[in-house]
Amino acid sequence: MELYVADAFTTTRFSGNQAGVALLGKEDFPEEGLMRALAGELKHSETAFVRRTGANAFHIRYFTPAEEVDLCGHATIAAFTVLRDTGAIVPGNYALHTRSGDLEIGVGADAVWMDMAAPKDGRSFSEEEQAELYAAYGLTLTERPEGLEAQAVSTGLMDILLPVRSLEALDRAAQDEAQVTSLSRRYDVVGVHMFCPCTGDAAAHCRNFAPLYAIPEEAATGTSNGALTYYLYRRGLIQAGADNRFVQGEKMGKPSEILSRITEDENGVKVRVGGRALITLKCELMG
């Protein structure tokens, strides 16, 4: 097992979102308890365990320090960056199997693009429920932009997308972790992706919270911004075929840039998320 730490959705060391990457070659996955313990030891929000299943095919399992999750965008970007930069693969297209489904990964010379799972809307929320969501961050419904509402959306993981009307409100939001954990369980979501749309320099500035999975706040989330891409597209705020830029992690001092594309044809809507990453650490598992 080769162990790495990579900074995803950035080109600046110790910025972006860190992910652990464990390269297994063609060996089977270790016992689940070991993978969970190793993710806890690395202390990053997710660690990707990467197994090669063919010349151009891989299987990844993702573990937080608390448990396994179906898909993780930044850990996928990190994993394929590590594979490329260590010479295990060359730029091209690769098949990836995850618990969220089978995806296509495009590895370029400087960026990695990944398919998201088929987008789908989850539940909507009543006025009372939305007020409770905003209150969990010390905000009120007056911070909600006109014409936009909270909505659960998934492109692999179900999140509550929570819009705010200003960058000031986004910065001011202070999470009640116990309350957000309780709400995440109640609504069967990973967490809350708060965003301020149409900021001029980006499709949105964002903050992401998943305390239910031992992630108080995350600096960059591919799956959540994939879901946000679909949300904004459905509401006419972004267009098909264009590249979109999302900024996240500023409050944490780890500014990140997540890119997305959305297309629609007779087969339906397809969302891709992309970004750059760099290796920061190579580790050795002793014993």
Protein backbone atom coordinates (compact mmCIF):
# COMPACT_ATOMS: atom_id res chain seq x y z
CA MET A 1 0.00 0.00 0.00
CA GLU A 2 1.42 3.37 -1.07
CA LEU A 3 0.05 6.31 0.94
CA TYR A 4 -0.13 9.92 -0.21
CA VAL A 5 -1.73 13.19 0.79
CA ALA A 6 -2.78 15.47 -2.06
CA ASP A 7 -4.26 18.97 -2.11
CA ALA A 8 -7.27 18.97 -4.46
CA PHE A 9 -8.96 21.83 -6.32
CA THR A 10 -5.88 24.02 -6.05
CA THR A 11 -2.37 24.50 -7.40
CA THR A 12 -1.06 25.97 -4.14
CA ARG A 13 0.48 23.64 -1.58
CA PHE A 14 -1.46 23.37 1.71
CA SER A 15 -4.48 25.05 0.15
CA GLY A 16 -7.59 23.49 -1.40
CA ASN A 17 -8.92 20.31 0.18
CA GLN A 18 -6.58 17.60 1.40
CA ALA A 19 -7.35 13.94 0.77
CA GLY A 20 -5.57 10.76 1.70
CA VAL A 21 -4.84 8.40 -1.20
CA ALA A 22 -3.92 4.74 -0.69
CA LEU A 23 -2.75 2.96 -3.84
CA LEU A 24 -3.37 -0.79 -3.62
CA GLY A 25 -2.27 -1.84 -7.10
CA LYS A 26 -4.24 -4.97 -8.00
CA GLU A 27 -4.48 -6.16 -4.37
CA ASP A 28 -7.85 -6.58 -2.68
CA PHE A 29 -9.16 -3.88 -0.37
CA PRO A 30 -7.98 -4.21 3.24
CA GLU A 31 -10.44 -5.04 6.01
CA GLU A 32 -12.92 -2.19 6.53
CA GLY A 33 -11.78 -1.52 10.08
CA LEU A 34 -8.24 -0.88 8.87
CA MET A 35 -9.39 1.50 6.13
CA ARG A 36 -11.52 3.44 8.61
CA ALA A 37 -8.68 3.54 11.13
CA LEU A 38 -6.22 4.71 8.50
CA ALA A 39 -8.61 7.48 7.41
CA GLY A 40 -8.82 8.52 11.06
CA GLU A 41 -5.04 8.49 11.40
CA LEU A 42 -4.59 10.70 8.33
CA LYS A 43 -7.33 12.97 9.74
CA HIS A 44 -8.49 14.33 6.40
CA SER A 45 -12.19 14.43 5.56
CA GLU A 46 -11.85 11.52 3.11
CA THR A 47 -9.25 8.94 2.18
CA ALA A 48 -9.54 7.13 -1.17
CA PHE A 49 -8.49 3.48 -1.39
CA VAL A 50 -7.66 2.84 -5.04
CA ARG A 51 -7.62 -0.64 -6.58
CA ARG A 52 -6.72 -1.30 -10.22
CA THR A 53 -9.16 -3.67 -11.92
CA GLY A 54 -7.97 -3.40 -15.52
CA ALA A 55 -5.67 -1.55 -17.89
CA ASN A 56 -7.95 1.50 -17.84
CA ALA A 57 -10.26 0.64 -14.96
CA PHE A 58 -10.22 1.32 -11.22
CA HIS A 59 -12.37 0.74 -8.14
CA ILE A 60 -12.28 3.32 -5.33
CA ARG A 61 -13.73 3.15 -1.83
CA TYR A 62 -13.92 6.32 0.24
CA PHE A 63 -13.65 6.52 4.03
CA THR A 64 -14.10 9.44 6.39
CA PRO A 65 -12.70 9.13 9.91
CA ALA A 66 -16.22 7.98 10.89
CA GLU A 67 -17.45 5.70 8.08
CA GLU A 68 -17.51 4.79 4.39
CA VAL A 69 -19.24 7.12 1.92
CA ASP A 70 -20.48 6.37 -1.58
CA LEU A 71 -18.51 9.00 -3.50
CA CYS A 72 -16.11 11.87 -2.91
CA GLY A 73 -15.24 14.38 -5.61
CA HIS A 74 -12.09 15.94 -4.18
CA ALA A 75 -10.65 12.54 -3.19
CA THR A 76 -11.29 11.29 -6.74
CA ILE A 77 -9.49 14.29 -8.24
CA ALA A 78 -6.66 13.69 -5.75
CA ALA A 79 -6.49 9.94 -6.48
CA PHE A 80 -6.19 10.29 -10.25
CA THR A 81 -3.68 13.13 -9.85
CA VAL A 82 -1.55 10.82 -7.70
CA LEU A 83 -1.89 8.00 -10.24
CA ARG A 84 -0.82 10.33 -13.05
CA ASP A 85 2.00 12.06 -11.22
CA THR A 86 3.52 8.80 -9.95
CA GLY A 87 3.50 7.36 -13.47
CA ALA A 88 0.87 4.70 -12.79
CA ILE A 89 -1.31 6.13 -15.60
CA VAL A 90 -0.99 8.57 -18.49
CA PRO A 91 -3.51 11.20 -19.58
CA GLY A 92 -6.62 9.63 -21.07
CA ASN A 93 -10.04 8.29 -20.15
CA TYR A 94 -10.58 5.77 -17.36
CA ALA A 95 -13.50 3.79 -15.98
CA LEU A 96 -14.16 4.10 -12.26
CA HIS A 97 -16.40 1.90 -10.14
CA THR A 98 -17.76 3.40 -6.89
CA ARG A 99 -20.62 2.61 -4.53
CA SER A 100 -22.43 5.51 -6.21
CA GLY A 101 -22.14 3.90 -9.67
CA ASP A 102 -19.79 3.56 -12.62
CA LEU A 103 -18.19 6.82 -13.77
CA GLU A 104 -15.86 8.03 -16.51
CA ILE A 105 -12.75 9.95 -15.49
CA GLY A 106 -10.90 12.22 -17.90
CA VAL A 107 -7.25 12.73 -16.94
CA GLY A 108 -5.53 15.67 -18.60
CA ALA A 109 -1.99 16.96 -18.35
CA ASP A 110 -2.97 19.45 -15.64
CA ALA A 111 -6.56 18.71 -14.58
CA VAL A 112 -8.84 15.78 -13.83
CA TRP A 113 -12.53 15.68 -14.79
CA MET A 114 -15.02 13.21 -13.39
CA ASP A 115 -18.59 12.27 -14.17
CA MET A 116 -21.07 12.79 -11.41
CA ALA A 117 -23.82 10.29 -10.77
CA ALA A 118 -27.12 11.06 -12.52
CA PRO A 119 -28.51 14.24 -10.91
CA LYS A 120 -31.75 14.04 -8.99
CA ASP A 121 -33.79 16.31 -6.77
CA GLY A 122 -34.49 15.18 -3.25
CA ARG A 123 -37.07 16.70 -0.99
CA SER A 124 -38.04 20.35 -0.78
CA PHE A 125 -38.66 22.14 2.51
CA SER A 126 -41.55 24.05 4.03
CA GLU A 127 -41.10 27.63 5.22
CA GLU A 128 -40.90 26.38 8.80
CA GLU A 129 -38.27 23.78 7.88
CA GLN A 130 -36.24 26.35 5.95
CA ALA A 131 -36.36 28.75 8.88
CA GLU A 132 -34.94 25.96 11.07
CA LEU A 133 -32.15 25.31 8.56
CA TYR A 134 -31.11 28.96 8.46
CA ALA A 135 -31.36 29.22 12.25
CA ALA A 136 -28.85 26.37 12.58
CA TYR A 137 -26.32 28.85 11.14
CA GLY A 138 -27.45 31.90 13.10
CA LEU A 139 -29.33 33.24 10.06
CA THR A 140 -32.97 33.96 9.23
CA LEU A 141 -35.15 33.64 6.14
CA THR A 142 -34.34 37.29 5.34
CA GLU A 143 -30.94 36.00 4.14
CA ARG A 144 -32.61 33.83 1.47
CA PRO A 145 -32.30 35.21 -2.08
CA GLU A 146 -35.51 36.09 -3.85
CA GLY A 147 -36.73 33.23 -6.03
CA LEU A 148 -34.41 30.59 -4.52
CA GLU A 149 -35.18 28.05 -1.81
CA ALA A 150 -33.44 25.27 0.06
CA GLN A 151 -33.52 21.99 -1.84
CA ALA A 152 -31.98 18.55 -1.35
CA VAL A 153 -30.09 17.52 -4.50
CA SER A 154 -27.75 14.64 -5.35
CA THR A 155 -25.14 13.94 -8.00
CA GLY A 156 -23.82 11.03 -5.97
CA LEU A 157 -24.42 12.23 -2.41
CA MET A 158 -27.58 13.95 -1.18
CA ASP A 159 -26.96 17.43 0.26
CA ILE A 160 -29.21 20.28 1.29
CA LEU A 161 -28.39 23.27 -0.91
CA LEU A 162 -28.96 26.40 1.16
CA PRO A 163 -28.81 29.75 -0.69
CA VAL A 164 -27.87 33.06 0.92
CA ARG A 165 -28.21 36.48 -0.67
CA SER A 166 -24.78 37.97 0.11
CA LEU A 167 -21.14 37.08 0.62
CA GLU A 168 -21.39 38.83 3.98
CA ALA A 169 -24.10 36.39 5.14
CA LEU A 170 -22.06 33.45 3.83
CA ASP A 171 -19.05 34.61 5.85
CA ARG A 172 -21.14 35.36 8.95
CA ALA A 173 -22.86 31.96 9.10
CA ALA A 174 -21.91 30.12 12.31
CA GLN A 175 -22.85 26.46 12.45
CA ASP A 176 -24.52 24.77 15.41
CA GLU A 177 -22.90 21.37 14.84
CA ALA A 178 -25.29 19.44 17.06
CA GLN A 179 -28.32 20.96 15.34
CA VAL A 180 -26.96 20.39 11.81
CA THR A 181 -26.06 16.81 12.72
CA SER A 182 -29.62 16.26 13.93
CA LEU A 183 -31.12 17.86 10.81
CA SER A 184 -28.84 15.79 8.56
CA ARG A 185 -30.11 12.59 10.21
CA ARG A 186 -33.71 13.75 10.03
CA TYR A 187 -33.54 14.52 6.30
CA ASP A 188 -31.16 11.64 5.44
CA VAL A 189 -28.52 13.87 3.83
CA VAL A 190 -24.74 14.09 4.07
CA GLY A 191 -24.84 17.74 5.08
CA VAL A 192 -25.50 21.32 4.03
CA HIS A 193 -23.94 23.15 1.08
CA MET A 194 -24.46 26.88 1.61
CA PHE A 195 -23.90 29.16 -1.38
CA CYS A 196 -24.14 32.73 -2.60
CA PRO A 197 -24.93 32.60 -6.35
CA CYS A 198 -23.93 34.78 -9.27
CA THR A 199 -21.13 36.73 -7.58
CA GLY A 200 -19.58 38.04 -10.79
CA ASP A 201 -16.29 36.18 -10.37
CA ALA A 202 -17.94 32.76 -9.99
CA ALA A 203 -21.17 30.83 -10.43
CA ALA A 204 -21.22 30.78 -6.62
CA HIS A 205 -19.12 31.13 -3.51
CA CYS A 206 -19.79 28.22 -1.15
CA ARG A 207 -19.31 26.68 2.27
CA ASN A 208 -19.90 23.00 3.00
CA PHE A 209 -20.80 21.40 6.33
CA ALA A 210 -21.08 17.68 7.15
CA PRO A 211 -20.78 17.26 10.93
CA LEU A 212 -22.77 14.01 10.79
CA TYR A 213 -19.68 12.52 9.08
CA ALA A 214 -17.18 14.18 11.42
CA ILE A 215 -16.53 17.02 8.92
CA PRO A 216 -17.43 20.35 10.58
CA GLU A 217 -16.54 22.24 7.40
CA GLU A 218 -14.86 21.22 4.14
CA ALA A 219 -12.68 23.37 1.89
CA ALA A 220 -13.78 21.87 -1.45
CA THR A 221 -16.51 19.41 -2.37
CA GLY A 222 -16.87 18.07 -5.88
CA THR A 223 -20.13 16.19 -5.36
CA SER A 224 -21.84 19.13 -3.66
CA ASN A 225 -20.83 21.55 -6.39
CA GLY A 226 -21.99 19.01 -8.96
CA ALA A 227 -25.38 19.07 -7.26
CA LEU A 228 -25.26 22.87 -7.15
CA THR A 229 -24.49 22.93 -10.89
CA TYR A 230 -27.70 20.98 -11.51
CA TYR A 231 -29.68 23.21 -9.11
CA LEU A 232 -28.52 26.41 -10.81
CA TYR A 233 -29.07 24.96 -14.29
CA ARG A 234 -32.65 23.96 -13.44
CA ARG A 235 -33.28 27.57 -12.40
CA GLY A 236 -31.69 29.17 -15.47
CA LEU A 237 -28.71 30.64 -13.63
CA ILE A 238 -26.07 28.72 -15.63
CA GLN A 239 -26.13 27.41 -19.18
CA ALA A 240 -25.43 24.00 -20.69
CA GLY A 241 -22.04 23.62 -22.34
CA ALA A 242 -20.32 26.39 -20.39
CA ASP A 243 -17.56 25.91 -17.82
CA ASN A 244 -18.58 27.05 -14.34
CA ARG A 245 -16.34 28.15 -11.49
CA PHE A 246 -17.13 27.66 -7.81
CA VAL A 247 -15.07 29.14 -4.98
CA GLN A 248 -14.99 27.41 -1.60
CA GLY A 249 -12.80 27.20 1.50
CA GLU A 250 -12.18 30.93 1.93
CA LYS A 251 -13.50 30.99 5.50
CA MET A 252 -11.07 28.17 6.33
CA GLY A 253 -8.08 29.97 4.82
CA LYS A 254 -7.91 27.31 2.08
CA PRO A 255 -9.41 28.90 -1.03
CA SER A 256 -10.37 26.28 -3.60
CA GLU A 257 -11.53 26.39 -7.21
CA ILE A 258 -13.97 23.74 -8.43
CA LEU A 259 -14.97 23.61 -12.10
CA SER A 260 -18.09 22.05 -13.58
CA ARG A 261 -19.82 21.42 -16.91
CA ILE A 262 -23.38 20.34 -17.63
CA THR A 263 -24.81 18.93 -20.84
CA GLU A 264 -28.26 17.70 -21.82
CA ASP A 265 -29.25 15.40 -24.69
CA GLU A 266 -31.70 12.59 -25.43
CA ASN A 267 -30.07 10.54 -22.68
CA GLY A 268 -30.71 13.20 -20.06
CA VAL A 269 -28.59 15.63 -18.05
CA LYS A 270 -24.91 14.92 -17.37
CA VAL A 271 -22.75 16.81 -14.87
CA ARG A 272 -18.95 16.73 -14.78
CA VAL A 273 -16.73 18.24 -12.09
CA GLY A 274 -13.06 19.04 -12.58
CA GLY A 275 -10.04 20.57 -10.97
CA ARG A 276 -6.35 20.44 -10.38
CA ALA A 277 -4.38 18.95 -7.51
CA LEU A 278 -0.84 18.33 -6.32
CA ILE A 279 0.87 15.77 -4.12
CA THR A 280 2.10 17.17 -0.81
CA LEU A 281 3.14 14.09 1.19
CA LYS A 282 4.17 10.49 0.62
CA CYS A 283 3.74 8.25 3.66
CA GLU A 284 4.75 4.76 4.76
CA LEU A 285 2.55 2.40 6.77
CA MET A 286 4.77 0.74 9.37
CA GLY A 287 4.44 -2.80 10.68
